[in-house]
Amino acid sequence: MRACLYRVAKSLGILSLCLLASEAYGAGTVPEYELKAAYLYNFALLTTWPTESAAPMIFCVLEHDPLSTQLALLQARKIHNRSIIVKEIVMPEEARACDVLYLDAVQHEVLLAIVDIVRNASILTVTDSLDSARTELVINMRLEASRLVFDVNMASARRAKLTFSSKLLNLAKSIN
């Protein structure tokens, strides 16, 4: 099951597998951070940035975030012919160098500072926060009925100049 979560695919299948796996997560078979890493990978796979780049795609998390261990496993993969680098950021200003930025809800004060810094940057921001800061971020993940679901904030996506595959949007719980 774990190997399936990370298969490279450009079809609806892989994200659907992640959504099905999230039901297994509720049953305790797929660790939370492994599942979130798979979602982040697929979010990036189904996102288009305003400019094409051959530079590595940088996935960022805050320093000491337990998700970084699972994200590091993605470094053997590619997205849109770009290699993947995982970076732990210490200072909020470092977030400007990210392509995908995951902000854990636990780090609330830092989350608010980073939101101000990356508001108009072409960064796919993802959180699992339940507070008001999530309204500024592009994707919000949450556990609902023992299943990991996500919402897409199109106003934030437009501000970041990001576009999404219809496959990703069809799987979103809500689109605002």
Protein backbone atom coordinates (compact mmCIF):
# COMPACT_ATOMS: atom_id res chain seq x y z
CA MET A 1 0.00 0.00 0.00
CA ARG A 2 2.77 2.45 0.89
CA ALA A 3 4.52 1.96 -2.44
CA CYS A 4 1.27 2.77 -4.24
CA LEU A 5 1.04 6.15 -2.55
CA TYR A 6 4.21 7.38 -4.22
CA ARG A 7 3.85 6.00 -7.76
CA VAL A 8 4.40 8.64 -10.36
CA ALA A 9 1.29 9.07 -12.47
CA LYS A 10 -0.38 11.96 -14.22
CA SER A 11 -3.83 10.49 -14.05
CA LEU A 12 -6.68 10.66 -11.63
CA GLY A 13 -5.73 7.21 -10.40
CA ILE A 14 -2.89 8.18 -8.07
CA LEU A 15 -4.78 10.91 -6.26
CA SER A 16 -7.78 8.61 -6.01
CA LEU A 17 -5.50 6.01 -4.46
CA CYS A 18 -4.41 8.58 -1.92
CA LEU A 19 -8.01 9.41 -1.12
CA LEU A 20 -8.84 5.74 -0.72
CA ALA A 21 -5.74 5.29 1.38
CA SER A 22 -6.94 8.07 3.64
CA GLU A 23 -9.83 5.83 4.62
CA ALA A 24 -7.24 3.24 5.60
CA TYR A 25 -5.45 6.00 7.54
CA GLY A 26 -8.58 6.38 9.62
CA ALA A 27 -8.32 2.70 10.38
CA GLY A 28 -4.69 3.22 11.45
CA THR A 29 -2.90 1.44 8.60
CA VAL A 30 -1.27 4.40 6.83
CA PRO A 31 0.75 6.78 9.01
CA GLU A 32 -0.46 10.38 8.94
CA TYR A 33 2.78 11.90 7.66
CA GLU A 34 3.17 9.33 4.92
CA LEU A 35 -0.32 10.13 3.70
CA LYS A 36 0.25 13.90 3.86
CA ALA A 37 3.52 13.54 1.91
CA ALA A 38 1.67 11.60 -0.79
CA TYR A 39 -0.99 14.31 -0.98
CA LEU A 40 1.63 17.08 -1.24
CA TYR A 41 3.39 15.20 -4.04
CA ASN A 42 0.14 14.82 -5.94
CA PHE A 43 -0.91 18.41 -5.34
CA ALA A 44 2.37 19.50 -6.95
CA LEU A 45 1.98 16.99 -9.77
CA LEU A 46 -1.45 18.42 -10.62
CA THR A 47 -0.45 22.10 -10.32
CA THR A 48 0.96 24.41 -12.99
CA TRP A 49 3.20 27.31 -12.01
CA PRO A 50 3.24 30.53 -14.08
CA THR A 51 6.73 29.91 -15.47
CA GLU A 52 8.38 26.68 -16.51
CA SER A 53 11.64 25.89 -14.80
CA ALA A 54 14.31 23.24 -14.99
CA ALA A 55 15.45 24.07 -11.46
CA PRO A 56 14.63 21.55 -8.76
CA MET A 57 11.16 21.80 -7.20
CA ILE A 58 11.61 22.82 -3.58
CA PHE A 59 9.24 21.38 -0.98
CA CYS A 60 9.51 23.26 2.31
CA VAL A 61 8.42 22.56 5.85
CA LEU A 62 9.29 24.37 9.03
CA GLU A 63 12.30 23.19 10.96
CA HIS A 64 11.69 20.03 13.02
CA ASP A 65 8.40 19.23 11.27
CA PRO A 66 7.96 15.43 11.39
CA LEU A 67 6.66 15.53 7.81
CA SER A 68 10.14 16.32 6.49
CA THR A 69 11.24 12.70 6.97
CA GLN A 70 8.46 11.44 4.70
CA LEU A 71 8.96 14.24 2.20
CA ALA A 72 12.65 13.37 1.97
CA LEU A 73 11.60 10.06 0.41
CA LEU A 74 10.21 12.04 -2.53
CA GLN A 75 13.67 13.29 -3.48
CA ALA A 76 14.14 10.19 -5.64
CA ARG A 77 11.17 11.28 -7.78
CA LYS A 78 10.50 14.04 -10.29
CA ILE A 79 7.60 16.38 -10.96
CA HIS A 80 7.24 17.91 -14.43
CA ASN A 81 10.82 16.75 -15.21
CA ARG A 82 12.10 18.61 -12.17
CA SER A 83 13.99 16.89 -9.38
CA ILE A 84 12.70 17.40 -5.85
CA ILE A 85 14.54 18.98 -2.94
CA VAL A 86 13.12 19.05 0.57
CA LYS A 87 14.15 21.97 2.74
CA GLU A 88 13.45 22.76 6.38
CA ILE A 89 13.10 26.49 6.81
CA VAL A 90 14.05 28.30 10.01
CA MET A 91 13.28 31.94 9.25
CA PRO A 92 9.94 32.97 7.69
CA GLU A 93 11.80 34.86 4.91
CA GLU A 94 13.22 31.54 3.65
CA ALA A 95 9.72 30.58 2.49
CA ARG A 96 10.16 32.80 -0.59
CA ALA A 97 12.45 30.15 -2.13
CA CYS A 98 9.84 27.38 -1.95
CA ASP A 99 7.63 25.96 -4.69
CA VAL A 100 5.49 23.92 -2.28
CA LEU A 101 5.20 25.04 1.33
CA TYR A 102 3.52 22.95 4.03
CA LEU A 103 2.64 24.79 7.24
CA ASP A 104 1.60 22.69 10.20
CA ALA A 105 -1.21 24.14 12.30
CA VAL A 106 0.82 23.67 15.48
CA GLN A 107 3.23 26.45 14.49
CA HIS A 108 0.57 29.19 14.56
CA GLU A 109 2.72 32.29 15.15
CA VAL A 110 5.20 31.35 12.45
CA LEU A 111 2.33 30.45 10.13
CA LEU A 112 0.91 33.97 10.36
CA ALA A 113 4.31 35.56 9.66
CA ILE A 114 4.90 33.32 6.65
CA VAL A 115 1.42 34.00 5.24
CA ASP A 116 2.31 37.70 5.09
CA ILE A 117 5.61 37.00 3.36
CA VAL A 118 4.34 34.60 0.66
CA ARG A 119 0.88 36.11 0.05
CA ASN A 120 1.52 37.06 -3.61
CA ALA A 121 4.33 34.63 -4.44
CA SER A 122 3.89 31.68 -6.81
CA ILE A 123 4.06 29.16 -4.02
CA LEU A 124 1.65 26.28 -3.48
CA THR A 125 0.86 26.77 0.21
CA VAL A 126 -0.75 23.90 2.08
CA THR A 127 -1.84 23.64 5.71
CA ASP A 128 -3.95 21.59 8.07
CA SER A 129 -4.81 24.66 10.15
CA LEU A 130 -8.32 25.30 11.38
CA ASP A 131 -7.82 29.00 12.09
CA SER A 132 -8.24 32.12 10.02
CA ALA A 133 -4.74 31.91 8.49
CA ARG A 134 -5.89 29.03 6.31
CA THR A 135 -8.10 31.42 4.37
CA GLU A 136 -4.93 32.96 2.92
CA LEU A 137 -3.39 29.63 1.91
CA VAL A 138 -4.09 27.70 -1.29
CA ILE A 139 -4.95 24.23 0.04
CA ASN A 140 -6.22 23.20 3.44
CA MET A 141 -6.18 19.51 4.42
CA ARG A 142 -8.20 18.10 7.27
CA LEU A 143 -9.42 14.86 8.73
CA GLU A 144 -13.14 14.37 8.20
CA ALA A 145 -14.99 11.17 9.09
CA SER A 146 -11.67 9.30 9.37
CA ARG A 147 -10.63 10.48 5.91
CA LEU A 148 -8.12 13.09 4.80
CA VAL A 149 -9.90 15.66 2.61
CA PHE A 150 -8.85 19.01 1.20
CA ASP A 151 -10.29 22.36 0.18
CA VAL A 152 -8.91 24.64 -2.52
CA ASN A 153 -8.92 28.42 -2.14
CA MET A 154 -9.12 29.68 -5.73
CA ALA A 155 -8.65 33.34 -4.74
CA SER A 156 -5.31 32.46 -3.13
CA ALA A 157 -4.40 30.24 -6.10
CA ARG A 158 -5.10 33.09 -8.54
CA ARG A 159 -3.06 35.49 -6.40
CA ALA A 160 -0.19 32.97 -6.55
CA LYS A 161 -0.75 32.54 -10.32
CA LEU A 162 -1.21 28.78 -9.91
CA THR A 163 -3.57 26.66 -11.98
CA PHE A 164 -4.81 23.19 -11.17
CA SER A 165 -5.70 20.15 -13.15
CA SER A 166 -9.43 19.52 -13.27
CA LYS A 167 -8.59 16.15 -11.71
CA LEU A 168 -7.38 17.85 -8.54
CA LEU A 169 -10.35 20.21 -8.42
CA ASN A 170 -12.81 17.35 -8.89
CA LEU A 171 -11.38 15.62 -5.82
CA ALA A 172 -11.48 18.69 -3.59
CA LYS A 173 -14.07 18.65 -0.83
CA SER A 174 -14.79 22.30 -1.55
CA ILE A 175 -13.54 25.04 -3.86
CA ASN A 176 -13.83 28.60 -2.57
